[in-house]
Protein backbone atom coordinates (compact mmCIF):
# COMPACT_ATOMS: atom_id res chain seq x y z
CA MET A 1 23.29 0.42 -10.74
CA TYR A 2 22.14 -2.19 -8.19
CA TYR A 3 18.93 -0.24 -7.53
CA LEU A 4 18.03 -0.08 -11.21
CA THR A 5 18.85 -3.76 -11.76
CA SER A 6 16.64 -4.85 -8.87
CA LEU A 7 13.79 -2.66 -10.18
CA LEU A 8 14.09 -4.12 -13.66
CA ARG A 9 13.62 -7.59 -12.15
CA ALA A 10 10.41 -6.40 -10.47
CA PRO A 11 8.08 -5.26 -13.27
CA VAL A 12 4.99 -4.70 -11.10
CA THR A 13 6.97 -2.66 -8.57
CA LEU A 14 8.57 -0.60 -11.33
CA THR A 15 5.23 0.00 -13.06
CA VAL A 16 3.51 1.10 -9.84
CA LEU A 17 6.42 3.43 -9.02
CA ILE A 18 6.22 5.05 -12.46
CA VAL A 19 2.42 5.31 -12.37
CA CYS A 20 2.36 6.86 -8.88
CA ILE A 21 5.01 9.43 -9.80
CA ALA A 22 3.28 10.28 -13.10
CA VAL A 23 -0.11 10.57 -11.39
CA TYR A 24 1.38 12.84 -8.73
CA ILE A 25 2.77 15.14 -11.42
CA MET A 26 -0.65 15.16 -13.12
CA GLN A 27 -2.35 15.86 -9.76
CA ASN A 28 -0.20 18.96 -9.32
CA ASN A 29 -1.15 20.19 -12.80
CA ASN A 30 -4.83 19.35 -12.42
CA PRO A 31 -6.35 19.20 -8.91
CA LEU A 32 -9.55 17.72 -10.36
CA ILE A 33 -7.70 14.40 -10.69
CA THR A 34 -7.57 14.07 -6.91
CA GLN A 35 -11.20 15.10 -6.63
CA LYS A 36 -12.34 12.61 -9.27
CA TYR A 37 -10.22 9.54 -8.35
CA SER A 38 -9.58 9.63 -4.59
CA PHE A 39 -11.43 7.33 -2.23
CA HIS A 40 -14.45 9.30 -1.11
CA PHE A 41 -17.10 7.63 1.05
CA PHE A 42 -20.14 9.29 -0.51
CA SER A 43 -18.90 8.78 -4.07
CA VAL A 44 -18.34 5.06 -3.45
CA ARG A 45 -21.76 4.83 -1.83
CA GLU A 46 -23.22 6.33 -5.01
CA GLY A 47 -21.61 3.58 -7.13
CA GLN A 48 -18.18 4.98 -8.05
CA TYR A 49 -16.48 1.75 -6.99
CA TYR A 50 -13.36 2.45 -9.07
CA ARG A 51 -12.34 4.87 -6.29
CA LEU A 52 -11.65 1.87 -4.03
CA PHE A 53 -8.70 1.18 -6.33
CA THR A 54 -7.71 4.48 -7.97
CA GLY A 55 -7.24 6.30 -4.65
CA GLY A 56 -4.20 4.10 -4.04
CA PHE A 57 -2.26 5.80 -6.82
CA LEU A 58 -2.82 9.35 -5.56
CA HIS A 59 -0.63 11.08 -2.98
CA GLY A 60 -1.11 14.26 -0.97
CA SER A 61 2.43 15.64 -0.89
CA VAL A 62 5.94 15.02 -2.12
CA MET A 63 6.82 13.54 1.28
CA HIS A 64 3.80 11.21 1.16
CA LEU A 65 4.80 10.08 -2.33
CA PHE A 66 8.46 9.68 -1.36
CA MET A 67 7.75 7.64 1.76
CA ASN A 68 5.33 5.33 -0.06
CA MET A 69 7.63 4.87 -3.07
CA TYR A 70 10.63 4.26 -0.80
CA SER A 71 8.63 1.61 1.06
CA LEU A 72 7.38 0.11 -2.19
CA TYR A 73 10.90 -0.11 -3.58
CA ASN A 74 12.27 -1.76 -0.42
CA LEU A 75 9.43 -4.24 0.06
CA GLY A 76 8.47 -4.63 -3.59
CA THR A 77 11.75 -5.55 -5.23
CA TRP A 78 12.42 -8.31 -2.72
CA MET A 79 8.87 -9.62 -2.38
CA GLU A 80 8.13 -9.57 -6.11
CA SER A 81 11.23 -11.64 -6.81
CA MET A 82 10.14 -14.08 -4.10
CA LEU A 83 6.43 -14.31 -4.99
CA GLY A 84 6.51 -13.65 -8.71
CA PRO A 85 4.65 -10.78 -10.38
CA PHE A 86 1.14 -12.28 -10.21
CA LYS A 87 1.05 -13.18 -6.50
CA PHE A 88 2.86 -9.96 -5.66
CA ALA A 89 0.21 -7.96 -7.53
CA VAL A 90 -2.55 -9.87 -5.71
CA VAL A 91 -1.06 -8.90 -2.34
CA LEU A 92 -0.33 -5.26 -3.24
CA PHE A 93 -3.56 -4.45 -5.09
CA GLY A 94 -5.65 -6.59 -2.74
CA GLY A 95 -4.27 -4.49 0.11
CA VAL A 96 -5.23 -1.26 -1.66
CA LEU A 97 -8.75 -2.52 -2.39
CA VAL A 98 -9.47 -4.05 1.02
CA GLY A 99 -7.81 -1.10 2.78
CA ASN A 100 -10.27 1.23 1.08
CA LEU A 101 -13.14 -1.17 1.80
CA PHE A 102 -12.20 -0.93 5.50
CA CYS A 103 -12.27 2.85 5.13
CA TYR A 104 -15.72 2.58 3.61
CA MET A 105 -17.02 0.23 6.30
CA MET A 106 -15.66 2.53 9.03
CA ASN A 107 -17.12 5.68 7.46
CA VAL A 108 -13.81 7.37 6.60
CA ARG A 109 -14.75 10.43 4.57
CA SER A 110 -11.82 10.29 2.12
CA SER A 111 -8.30 8.97 1.71
CA ILE A 112 -5.49 8.64 -0.80
CA GLY A 113 -2.26 6.69 -0.96
CA LEU A 114 -0.77 3.26 -1.45
CA SER A 115 -0.52 2.51 2.27
CA GLY A 116 -3.15 -0.25 2.31
CA GLY A 117 -1.10 -2.15 -0.27
CA LEU A 118 2.14 -1.41 1.55
CA TYR A 119 0.73 -2.67 4.84
CA ALA A 120 -0.35 -5.84 3.01
CA LEU A 121 3.25 -6.35 1.88
CA MET A 122 4.61 -5.53 5.32
CA PHE A 123 2.33 -7.94 7.15
CA PHE A 124 2.92 -10.65 4.56
CA TYR A 125 6.61 -10.22 5.36
CA PHE A 126 5.92 -10.29 9.12
CA VAL A 127 4.09 -13.61 8.80
CA LEU A 128 7.01 -15.11 6.87
CA VAL A 129 9.52 -13.83 9.42
CA MET A 130 7.44 -15.24 12.29
CA ARG A 131 6.96 -18.56 10.52
CA TYR A 132 10.46 -19.22 9.21
CA THR A 133 12.75 -17.52 11.73
CA ASP A 134 13.03 -17.27 15.49
CA VAL A 135 12.39 -13.51 15.53
CA SER A 136 9.89 -12.55 18.23
CA VAL A 137 6.81 -10.36 17.90
CA VAL A 138 8.44 -7.90 20.31
CA SER A 139 11.44 -7.60 18.03
CA LEU A 140 9.24 -7.01 14.97
CA VAL A 141 7.26 -4.32 16.81
CA ARG A 142 10.43 -2.63 18.08
CA ASN A 143 11.95 -2.57 14.59
CA ASN A 144 8.76 -1.18 13.07
CA ILE A 145 7.75 1.34 15.72
CA ALA A 146 7.73 4.19 13.17
CA ASN A 147 5.19 2.31 11.01
CA ILE A 148 3.04 1.75 14.07
CA LEU A 149 3.22 5.36 15.25
CA ILE A 150 2.24 6.69 11.81
CA ASN A 151 -1.24 5.32 12.48
CA PHE A 152 -1.74 7.89 15.25
CA MET A 153 -0.88 10.93 13.15
CA PRO A 154 -3.75 13.25 12.23
CA GLY A 155 -5.17 12.66 8.78
CA VAL A 156 -3.80 9.12 8.45
CA ALA A 157 -6.40 6.55 7.43
CA TRP A 158 -5.36 3.81 9.84
CA GLN A 159 -8.39 1.88 8.63
CA ALA A 160 -6.68 1.40 5.24
CA HIS A 161 -3.57 0.15 7.04
CA LEU A 162 -5.69 -2.30 9.03
CA GLY A 163 -7.40 -3.61 5.88
CA GLY A 164 -4.05 -3.96 4.15
CA ALA A 165 -2.59 -5.80 7.13
CA ALA A 166 -5.51 -8.25 7.02
CA VAL A 167 -4.82 -8.94 3.33
CA GLY A 168 -1.11 -9.44 4.03
CA ILE A 169 -1.77 -11.96 6.80
CA LEU A 170 -4.43 -13.82 4.80
CA THR A 171 -2.37 -14.05 1.61
CA ALA A 172 0.75 -15.11 3.52
CA VAL A 173 -1.22 -17.97 5.04
CA LEU A 174 -2.76 -18.90 1.67
CA PHE A 175 0.45 -18.62 -0.39
CA HIS A 176 2.74 -20.32 2.13
C-alpha cells in the first residue's frame, strides 16, 4: 500500500512509469515502433528531432525496463515530492533530451532508454547530498559503484548518462 500511495503523490513519475511499460508492450507487438522512435544519429541529422525525446521511453529488454522503472520509482517518488511536478519534469525530461544530444554530438549510432533522465535525477540528488550533508564524494562513489560500472558494459550509451549527469548538476545548482 505504501508503494502505491507514494506513486499517487508523484503524478509525473507514475505517468512515465505507465507510459514506459505501455510502450514496451507495444514495442514487443510492433518492432517498427523501436525503429521509428529510437534515437538514431542519422535520423536526427535528417531532421527527426523528436527522436531526441521519444527514445527515452523505449527499452530493449524486460531487464532494461525493470531496472529503469525501479530506479525511476526510487528516485522519482522522493524527488518529485521534494521538487514538485514541474521542476521534477524539467530535470527528468531535460536529462533525456540532453543525454541524447550528447549521444548525437559524440556520434553514437543509436540508443534507447530513460537513463539520461535517471542520471539527471541521480546527480541532482548527489549535489544535494554534497551540499547539505557531510557525506564525502568517496562515500557517494562507493555506494553507487554499480551505476558507475554500468557505463563500461557493451552497448550502454554512457554519453547519454554523461549528458543526464550534466543536467542534474546544472539544475541542482539552479534550483537550490
